[in-house]
Amino acid sequence: MPFMKNGKRDYEREKQWDHKNGRIKDRAERNKARAMLEKEGKVRKGDGKDVDHKKPISKGGKTTRSNLRVQSASANRSYRRNKDGSMK
């Protein structure tokens, strides 16, 4: 849910929250992982596959080839999560 102020979306507050919680950095890591496996030919845009970190970024996992695997989107997104989106 976006932050609202006087009935309008407060983009400045969202930006501060994203930076504070490291969400932008994590998204960059996920994009980097996807690009690595696209370069190897393991995945392509629109194929319905997700690039999964074996040890999640939220648990200290790194974006290295040995920590990445390809999974179907439904299998990758079926893990239980906390309210902030991190894995349980």
N, C-alpha and C. Protein backbone atom coordinates (compact mmCIF):
# COMPACT_ATOMS: atom_id res chain seq x y z
N MET A 1 0.85 -1.18 0.00
CA MET A 1 0.00 0.00 0.00
C MET A 1 0.89 1.23 0.00
N PRO A 2 0.72 2.13 -0.94
CA PRO A 2 1.55 3.33 -0.99
C PRO A 2 1.26 4.27 0.17
N PHE A 3 2.25 5.06 0.50
CA PHE A 3 2.07 6.08 1.53
C PHE A 3 1.21 7.21 0.96
N MET A 4 0.22 7.64 1.73
CA MET A 4 -0.70 8.69 1.28
C MET A 4 -0.61 9.90 2.19
N LYS A 5 -0.78 11.07 1.58
CA LYS A 5 -0.77 12.33 2.32
C LYS A 5 -1.81 13.24 1.67
N ASN A 6 -2.84 13.59 2.42
CA ASN A 6 -3.91 14.44 1.91
C ASN A 6 -4.56 13.86 0.65
N GLY A 7 -4.71 12.54 0.61
CA GLY A 7 -5.36 11.90 -0.52
C GLY A 7 -4.48 11.72 -1.73
N LYS A 8 -3.20 12.09 -1.65
CA LYS A 8 -2.28 11.94 -2.77
C LYS A 8 -1.11 11.06 -2.34
N ARG A 9 -0.52 10.39 -3.29
CA ARG A 9 0.59 9.50 -3.00
C ARG A 9 1.83 10.31 -2.63
N ASP A 10 2.49 9.92 -1.53
CA ASP A 10 3.67 10.62 -1.03
C ASP A 10 4.93 9.88 -1.49
N TYR A 11 5.42 10.25 -2.67
CA TYR A 11 6.56 9.56 -3.26
C TYR A 11 7.84 9.77 -2.46
N GLU A 12 8.01 10.93 -1.86
CA GLU A 12 9.21 11.19 -1.06
C GLU A 12 9.29 10.24 0.13
N ARG A 13 8.19 10.04 0.80
CA ARG A 13 8.18 9.13 1.95
C ARG A 13 8.45 7.69 1.51
N GLU A 14 7.89 7.29 0.37
CA GLU A 14 8.15 5.95 -0.15
C GLU A 14 9.63 5.78 -0.47
N LYS A 15 10.21 6.80 -1.08
CA LYS A 15 11.63 6.74 -1.45
C LYS A 15 12.50 6.58 -0.21
N GLN A 16 12.21 7.34 0.84
CA GLN A 16 12.97 7.23 2.09
C GLN A 16 12.82 5.84 2.68
N TRP A 17 11.61 5.29 2.67
CA TRP A 17 11.37 3.97 3.24
C TRP A 17 12.12 2.91 2.46
N ASP A 18 12.11 2.99 1.12
CA ASP A 18 12.81 2.01 0.29
C ASP A 18 14.30 2.02 0.56
N HIS A 19 14.90 3.19 0.66
CA HIS A 19 16.33 3.28 0.91
C HIS A 19 16.67 2.78 2.30
N LYS A 20 15.85 3.16 3.26
CA LYS A 20 16.10 2.79 4.65
C LYS A 20 16.08 1.28 4.84
N ASN A 21 15.18 0.60 4.18
CA ASN A 21 15.04 -0.83 4.37
C ASN A 21 15.82 -1.67 3.36
N GLY A 22 16.60 -1.05 2.50
CA GLY A 22 17.44 -1.78 1.57
C GLY A 22 16.70 -2.44 0.42
N ARG A 23 15.46 -2.03 0.18
CA ARG A 23 14.67 -2.68 -0.85
C ARG A 23 15.24 -2.42 -2.25
N ILE A 24 15.77 -1.25 -2.48
CA ILE A 24 16.33 -0.93 -3.80
C ILE A 24 17.57 -1.78 -4.04
N LYS A 25 18.41 -1.93 -3.03
CA LYS A 25 19.63 -2.74 -3.15
C LYS A 25 19.27 -4.19 -3.44
N ASP A 26 18.27 -4.72 -2.74
CA ASP A 26 17.85 -6.11 -2.95
C ASP A 26 17.30 -6.31 -4.36
N ARG A 27 16.53 -5.35 -4.86
CA ARG A 27 15.99 -5.46 -6.21
C ARG A 27 17.12 -5.46 -7.23
N ALA A 28 18.15 -4.65 -7.00
CA ALA A 28 19.31 -4.62 -7.90
C ALA A 28 20.01 -5.98 -7.91
N GLU A 29 20.11 -6.62 -6.76
CA GLU A 29 20.72 -7.95 -6.68
C GLU A 29 19.90 -8.98 -7.46
N ARG A 30 18.57 -8.91 -7.34
CA ARG A 30 17.72 -9.84 -8.08
C ARG A 30 17.85 -9.63 -9.59
N ASN A 31 17.92 -8.37 -10.02
CA ASN A 31 18.09 -8.07 -11.44
C ASN A 31 19.44 -8.57 -11.95
N LYS A 32 20.47 -8.43 -11.13
CA LYS A 32 21.82 -8.90 -11.48
C LYS A 32 21.81 -10.42 -11.65
N ALA A 33 21.13 -11.12 -10.75
CA ALA A 33 21.06 -12.58 -10.83
C ALA A 33 20.36 -13.02 -12.11
N ARG A 34 19.26 -12.37 -12.43
CA ARG A 34 18.51 -12.70 -13.65
C ARG A 34 19.38 -12.48 -14.89
N ALA A 35 20.11 -11.36 -14.92
CA ALA A 35 20.98 -11.04 -16.05
C ALA A 35 22.08 -12.09 -16.21
N MET A 36 22.61 -12.57 -15.09
CA MET A 36 23.67 -13.60 -15.16
C MET A 36 23.17 -14.86 -15.85
N LEU A 37 21.97 -15.31 -15.47
CA LEU A 37 21.45 -16.55 -16.05
C LEU A 37 20.89 -16.34 -17.45
N GLU A 38 20.45 -15.14 -17.77
CA GLU A 38 20.05 -14.84 -19.16
C GLU A 38 21.27 -14.92 -20.07
N LYS A 39 22.39 -14.42 -19.59
CA LYS A 39 23.63 -14.44 -20.38
C LYS A 39 24.07 -15.89 -20.66
N GLU A 40 23.83 -16.78 -19.69
CA GLU A 40 24.18 -18.20 -19.87
C GLU A 40 23.16 -18.94 -20.71
N GLY A 41 22.00 -18.33 -20.97
CA GLY A 41 20.97 -18.97 -21.77
C GLY A 41 20.04 -19.87 -20.96
N LYS A 42 20.09 -19.78 -19.64
CA LYS A 42 19.25 -20.62 -18.77
C LYS A 42 17.81 -20.11 -18.70
N VAL A 43 17.62 -18.80 -18.80
CA VAL A 43 16.28 -18.19 -18.76
C VAL A 43 16.19 -17.14 -19.85
N ARG A 44 14.96 -16.78 -20.20
CA ARG A 44 14.75 -15.68 -21.12
C ARG A 44 13.48 -14.95 -20.72
N LYS A 45 13.32 -13.76 -21.20
CA LYS A 45 12.18 -12.93 -20.85
C LYS A 45 10.88 -13.61 -21.29
N GLY A 46 9.92 -13.66 -20.35
CA GLY A 46 8.61 -14.20 -20.67
C GLY A 46 8.51 -15.71 -20.63
N ASP A 47 9.51 -16.41 -20.09
CA ASP A 47 9.48 -17.87 -20.07
C ASP A 47 8.77 -18.46 -18.86
N GLY A 48 8.32 -17.62 -17.92
CA GLY A 48 7.61 -18.11 -16.75
C GLY A 48 8.51 -18.70 -15.68
N LYS A 49 9.80 -18.48 -15.80
CA LYS A 49 10.76 -19.01 -14.83
C LYS A 49 11.28 -17.88 -13.94
N ASP A 50 11.64 -18.23 -12.72
CA ASP A 50 12.25 -17.29 -11.80
C ASP A 50 13.67 -17.74 -11.49
N VAL A 51 14.52 -16.78 -11.24
CA VAL A 51 15.87 -17.07 -10.75
C VAL A 51 15.81 -17.00 -9.24
N ASP A 52 16.16 -18.10 -8.61
CA ASP A 52 16.04 -18.23 -7.16
C ASP A 52 17.42 -18.23 -6.52
N HIS A 53 17.53 -17.55 -5.39
CA HIS A 53 18.74 -17.62 -4.58
C HIS A 53 18.55 -18.79 -3.62
N LYS A 54 19.44 -19.76 -3.62
CA LYS A 54 19.32 -20.90 -2.72
C LYS A 54 19.32 -20.42 -1.27
N LYS A 55 20.27 -19.56 -0.94
CA LYS A 55 20.25 -18.88 0.36
C LYS A 55 19.74 -17.47 0.07
N PRO A 56 18.56 -17.11 0.55
CA PRO A 56 17.93 -15.84 0.19
C PRO A 56 18.77 -14.62 0.54
N ILE A 57 18.61 -13.57 -0.23
CA ILE A 57 19.29 -12.31 0.03
C ILE A 57 18.93 -11.82 1.44
N SER A 58 17.68 -12.01 1.84
CA SER A 58 17.24 -11.55 3.16
C SER A 58 17.91 -12.31 4.30
N LYS A 59 18.48 -13.46 4.00
CA LYS A 59 19.18 -14.26 5.02
C LYS A 59 20.70 -14.18 4.84
N GLY A 60 21.16 -13.22 4.03
CA GLY A 60 22.61 -13.03 3.85
C GLY A 60 23.20 -13.72 2.64
N GLY A 61 22.37 -14.27 1.77
CA GLY A 61 22.87 -14.93 0.57
C GLY A 61 23.45 -13.94 -0.42
N LYS A 62 24.40 -14.40 -1.20
CA LYS A 62 25.07 -13.56 -2.19
C LYS A 62 24.59 -13.91 -3.59
N THR A 63 24.83 -13.01 -4.52
CA THR A 63 24.48 -13.25 -5.91
C THR A 63 25.71 -13.80 -6.61
N THR A 64 25.96 -15.08 -6.40
CA THR A 64 27.03 -15.79 -7.07
C THR A 64 26.40 -16.95 -7.83
N ARG A 65 27.06 -17.43 -8.84
CA ARG A 65 26.50 -18.49 -9.67
C ARG A 65 26.17 -19.73 -8.85
N SER A 66 27.00 -20.04 -7.85
CA SER A 66 26.76 -21.24 -7.05
C SER A 66 25.53 -21.11 -6.15
N ASN A 67 25.04 -19.89 -5.93
CA ASN A 67 23.88 -19.67 -5.07
C ASN A 67 22.59 -19.46 -5.88
N LEU A 68 22.65 -19.61 -7.20
CA LEU A 68 21.48 -19.36 -8.05
C LEU A 68 20.96 -20.64 -8.67
N ARG A 69 19.64 -20.69 -8.87
CA ARG A 69 19.01 -21.79 -9.57
C ARG A 69 17.76 -21.27 -10.28
N VAL A 70 17.32 -22.02 -11.29
CA VAL A 70 16.12 -21.65 -12.04
C VAL A 70 14.97 -22.50 -11.51
N GLN A 71 13.84 -21.84 -11.21
CA GLN A 71 12.64 -22.53 -10.74
C GLN A 71 11.44 -21.95 -11.46
N SER A 72 10.36 -22.72 -11.45
CA SER A 72 9.12 -22.16 -11.98
C SER A 72 8.67 -21.05 -11.04
N ALA A 73 7.92 -20.11 -11.56
CA ALA A 73 7.47 -18.98 -10.76
C ALA A 73 6.63 -19.44 -9.57
N SER A 74 5.76 -20.41 -9.79
CA SER A 74 4.90 -20.87 -8.69
C SER A 74 5.71 -21.55 -7.59
N ALA A 75 6.72 -22.30 -7.94
CA ALA A 75 7.54 -22.96 -6.92
C ALA A 75 8.38 -21.94 -6.15
N ASN A 76 8.89 -20.96 -6.84
CA ASN A 76 9.75 -19.97 -6.18
C ASN A 76 8.97 -19.05 -5.26
N ARG A 77 7.73 -18.78 -5.57
CA ARG A 77 6.94 -17.82 -4.80
C ARG A 77 6.07 -18.49 -3.74
N SER A 78 6.23 -19.79 -3.54
CA SER A 78 5.37 -20.50 -2.60
C SER A 78 5.94 -20.54 -1.18
N TYR A 79 7.12 -19.99 -0.96
CA TYR A 79 7.70 -19.98 0.38
C TYR A 79 6.89 -19.08 1.31
N ARG A 80 6.80 -19.46 2.58
CA ARG A 80 6.12 -18.62 3.56
C ARG A 80 6.94 -17.37 3.81
N ARG A 81 6.26 -16.26 3.96
CA ARG A 81 6.94 -14.99 4.13
C ARG A 81 6.42 -14.23 5.33
N ASN A 82 7.28 -13.36 5.87
CA ASN A 82 6.88 -12.43 6.93
C ASN A 82 6.10 -11.29 6.31
N LYS A 83 5.52 -10.42 7.15
CA LYS A 83 4.75 -9.30 6.63
C LYS A 83 5.60 -8.33 5.82
N ASP A 84 6.90 -8.25 6.09
CA ASP A 84 7.77 -7.33 5.33
C ASP A 84 8.27 -7.96 4.03
N GLY A 85 7.86 -9.21 3.75
CA GLY A 85 8.24 -9.85 2.51
C GLY A 85 9.43 -10.78 2.63
N SER A 86 10.16 -10.72 3.74
CA SER A 86 11.30 -11.59 3.92
C SER A 86 10.82 -13.02 4.22
N MET A 87 11.67 -13.97 3.96
CA MET A 87 11.30 -15.37 4.15
C MET A 87 11.31 -15.75 5.64
N LYS A 88 10.43 -16.66 6.01
CA LYS A 88 10.39 -17.17 7.39
C LYS A 88 11.44 -18.21 7.59
